[in-house]
Amino acid sequence: MKQEQAETAALGCLAWLIGNDELLPVFLGATGVGEGELRDRAAEPEFLGSVLDFLLMDDAWVVECCDAQGLAYDVPMRARAALPGGEQVHWT
């Protein structure tokens, strides 16, 4: 997946997260981002990566988000890999 596609997918996930009244406060608390910052930070690939990092913490969230957007379940993971900081770490 190219970075532009990844950013588009991540923006869709962010939109889903913003519309989730139960999960949005958890995300805001975990990241320290205020609601007013969401729009400004949405243009930052690193922030979009943090959105996907959060979403990928729970398979149920991934399923809900992907079902709501008609995405394959592997899209958030592939998008995360294409954004800054998403590279796999090789320890050897």
C-alpha atoms as a PDB file:
ATOM      1  CA  MET A   1       0.000   0.000   0.000  1.00  0.00           C
ATOM      2  CA  LYS A   2       1.309   3.450  -0.877  1.00  0.00           C
ATOM      3  CA  GLN A   3       1.414   6.209   1.735  1.00  0.00           C
ATOM      4  CA  GLU A   4      -1.367   8.200   0.067  1.00  0.00           C
ATOM      5  CA  GLN A   5      -3.685   5.170   0.161  1.00  0.00           C
ATOM      6  CA  ALA A   6      -2.668   4.529   3.765  1.00  0.00           C
ATOM      7  CA  GLU A   7      -3.486   8.104   4.745  1.00  0.00           C
ATOM      8  CA  THR A   8      -6.908   7.820   3.100  1.00  0.00           C
ATOM      9  CA  ALA A   9      -7.626   4.566   4.938  1.00  0.00           C
ATOM     10  CA  ALA A  10      -6.419   6.065   8.227  1.00  0.00           C
ATOM     11  CA  LEU A  11      -8.632   9.129   7.735  1.00  0.00           C
ATOM     12  CA  GLY A  12     -11.605   6.809   7.329  1.00  0.00           C
ATOM     13  CA  CYS A  13     -10.647   5.071  10.555  1.00  0.00           C
ATOM     14  CA  LEU A  14     -10.297   8.439  12.293  1.00  0.00           C
ATOM     15  CA  ALA A  15     -13.756   9.455  11.056  1.00  0.00           C
ATOM     16  CA  TRP A  16     -15.173   6.191  12.395  1.00  0.00           C
ATOM     17  CA  LEU A  17     -13.407   6.748  15.722  1.00  0.00           C
ATOM     18  CA  ILE A  18     -14.755  10.301  16.008  1.00  0.00           C
ATOM     19  CA  GLY A  19     -18.260   8.952  15.506  1.00  0.00           C
ATOM     20  CA  ASN A  20     -17.816   6.318  18.210  1.00  0.00           C
ATOM     21  CA  ASP A  21     -19.030   7.931  21.442  1.00  0.00           C
ATOM     22  CA  GLU A  22     -17.663   5.134  23.634  1.00  0.00           C
ATOM     23  CA  LEU A  23     -14.225   4.774  22.068  1.00  0.00           C
ATOM     24  CA  LEU A  24     -13.336   8.384  21.251  1.00  0.00           C
ATOM     25  CA  PRO A  25     -12.829   9.392  24.915  1.00  0.00           C
ATOM     26  CA  VAL A  26     -10.553   6.371  25.384  1.00  0.00           C
ATOM     27  CA  PHE A  27      -8.467   7.427  22.381  1.00  0.00           C
ATOM     28  CA  LEU A  28      -8.304  11.032  23.561  1.00  0.00           C
ATOM     29  CA  GLY A  29      -7.238   9.930  27.028  1.00  0.00           C
ATOM     30  CA  ALA A  30      -4.628   7.532  25.693  1.00  0.00           C
ATOM     31  CA  THR A  31      -3.066  10.044  23.306  1.00  0.00           C
ATOM     32  CA  GLY A  32      -3.551  13.289  25.218  1.00  0.00           C
ATOM     33  CA  VAL A  33      -5.026  14.887  22.099  1.00  0.00           C
ATOM     34  CA  GLY A  34      -7.966  17.219  22.606  1.00  0.00           C
ATOM     35  CA  GLU A  35     -11.093  17.071  20.467  1.00  0.00           C
ATOM     36  CA  GLY A  36     -10.221  20.437  18.981  1.00  0.00           C
ATOM     37  CA  GLU A  37      -6.868  19.121  17.744  1.00  0.00           C
ATOM     38  CA  LEU A  38      -8.283  16.205  15.774  1.00  0.00           C
ATOM     39  CA  ARG A  39      -8.988  18.192  12.613  1.00  0.00           C
ATOM     40  CA  ASP A  40      -5.592  19.929  12.657  1.00  0.00           C
ATOM     41  CA  ARG A  41      -3.628  16.755  13.337  1.00  0.00           C
ATOM     42  CA  ALA A  42      -5.514  14.679  10.741  1.00  0.00           C
ATOM     43  CA  ALA A  43      -3.119  15.951   8.063  1.00  0.00           C
ATOM     44  CA  GLU A  44      -0.079  14.535   9.905  1.00  0.00           C
ATOM     45  CA  PRO A  45       0.933  11.039   8.755  1.00  0.00           C
ATOM     46  CA  GLU A  46       2.476  10.344  12.179  1.00  0.00           C
ATOM     47  CA  PHE A  47      -0.801  11.171  13.906  1.00  0.00           C
ATOM     48  CA  LEU A  48      -2.724   8.962  11.494  1.00  0.00           C
ATOM     49  CA  GLY A  49      -0.290   6.204  12.421  1.00  0.00           C
ATOM     50  CA  SER A  50      -1.195   6.697  16.082  1.00  0.00           C
ATOM     51  CA  VAL A  51      -4.886   6.393  15.177  1.00  0.00           C
ATOM     52  CA  LEU A  52      -4.176   3.048  13.535  1.00  0.00           C
ATOM     53  CA  ASP A  53      -1.923   1.934  16.412  1.00  0.00           C
ATOM     54  CA  PHE A  54      -4.830   2.563  18.774  1.00  0.00           C
ATOM     55  CA  LEU A  55      -7.382   0.827  16.555  1.00  0.00           C
ATOM     56  CA  LEU A  56      -5.139  -2.207  16.088  1.00  0.00           C
ATOM     57  CA  MET A  57      -5.004  -2.803  19.857  1.00  0.00           C
ATOM     58  CA  ASP A  58      -8.346  -4.640  19.724  1.00  0.00           C
ATOM     59  CA  ASP A  59      -9.574  -6.981  16.993  1.00  0.00           C
ATOM     60  CA  ALA A  60     -13.191  -6.091  17.783  1.00  0.00           C
ATOM     61  CA  TRP A  61     -12.461  -2.424  17.036  1.00  0.00           C
ATOM     62  CA  VAL A  62     -10.836  -3.374  13.734  1.00  0.00           C
ATOM     63  CA  VAL A  63     -13.836  -5.488  12.760  1.00  0.00           C
ATOM     64  CA  GLU A  64     -16.327  -2.745  13.698  1.00  0.00           C
ATOM     65  CA  CYS A  65     -14.367  -0.050  11.891  1.00  0.00           C
ATOM     66  CA  CYS A  66     -13.843  -2.124   8.749  1.00  0.00           C
ATOM     67  CA  ASP A  67     -17.445  -3.332   8.659  1.00  0.00           C
ATOM     68  CA  ALA A  68     -18.686   0.246   8.943  1.00  0.00           C
ATOM     69  CA  GLN A  69     -16.517   1.323   6.001  1.00  0.00           C
ATOM     70  CA  GLY A  70     -16.718  -1.805   3.861  1.00  0.00           C
ATOM     71  CA  LEU A  71     -12.979  -2.431   4.188  1.00  0.00           C
ATOM     72  CA  ALA A  72     -11.119  -5.711   4.292  1.00  0.00           C
ATOM     73  CA  TYR A  73      -9.958  -6.488   7.831  1.00  0.00           C
ATOM     74  CA  ASP A  74      -6.291  -6.249   6.890  1.00  0.00           C
ATOM     75  CA  VAL A  75      -6.516  -2.679   5.574  1.00  0.00           C
ATOM     76  CA  PRO A  76      -5.734  -0.937   8.906  1.00  0.00           C
ATOM     77  CA  MET A  77      -2.662  -3.136   9.418  1.00  0.00           C
ATOM     78  CA  ARG A  78      -1.417  -2.615   5.865  1.00  0.00           C
ATOM     79  CA  ALA A  79      -2.070   1.125   6.143  1.00  0.00           C
ATOM     80  CA  ARG A  80      -0.133   1.274   9.398  1.00  0.00           C
ATOM     81  CA  ALA A  81       2.840  -0.419   7.782  1.00  0.00           C
ATOM     82  CA  ALA A  82       2.857   2.229   5.030  1.00  0.00           C
ATOM     83  CA  LEU A  83       2.858   5.220   7.396  1.00  0.00           C
ATOM     84  CA  PRO A  84       5.881   6.626   9.262  1.00  0.00           C
ATOM     85  CA  GLY A  85       6.866   4.430  12.188  1.00  0.00           C
ATOM     86  CA  GLY A  86       5.027   1.414  10.848  1.00  0.00           C
ATOM     87  CA  GLU A  87       8.054  -0.409   9.540  1.00  0.00           C
ATOM     88  CA  GLN A  88       8.704  -3.844  10.956  1.00  0.00           C
ATOM     89  CA  VAL A  89      11.597  -3.938  13.394  1.00  0.00           C
ATOM     90  CA  HIS A  90      14.154  -6.672  12.824  1.00  0.00           C
ATOM     91  CA  TRP A  91      16.084  -7.451  15.976  1.00  0.00           C
ATOM     92  CA  THR A  92      18.752  -9.602  14.351  1.00  0.00           C
END
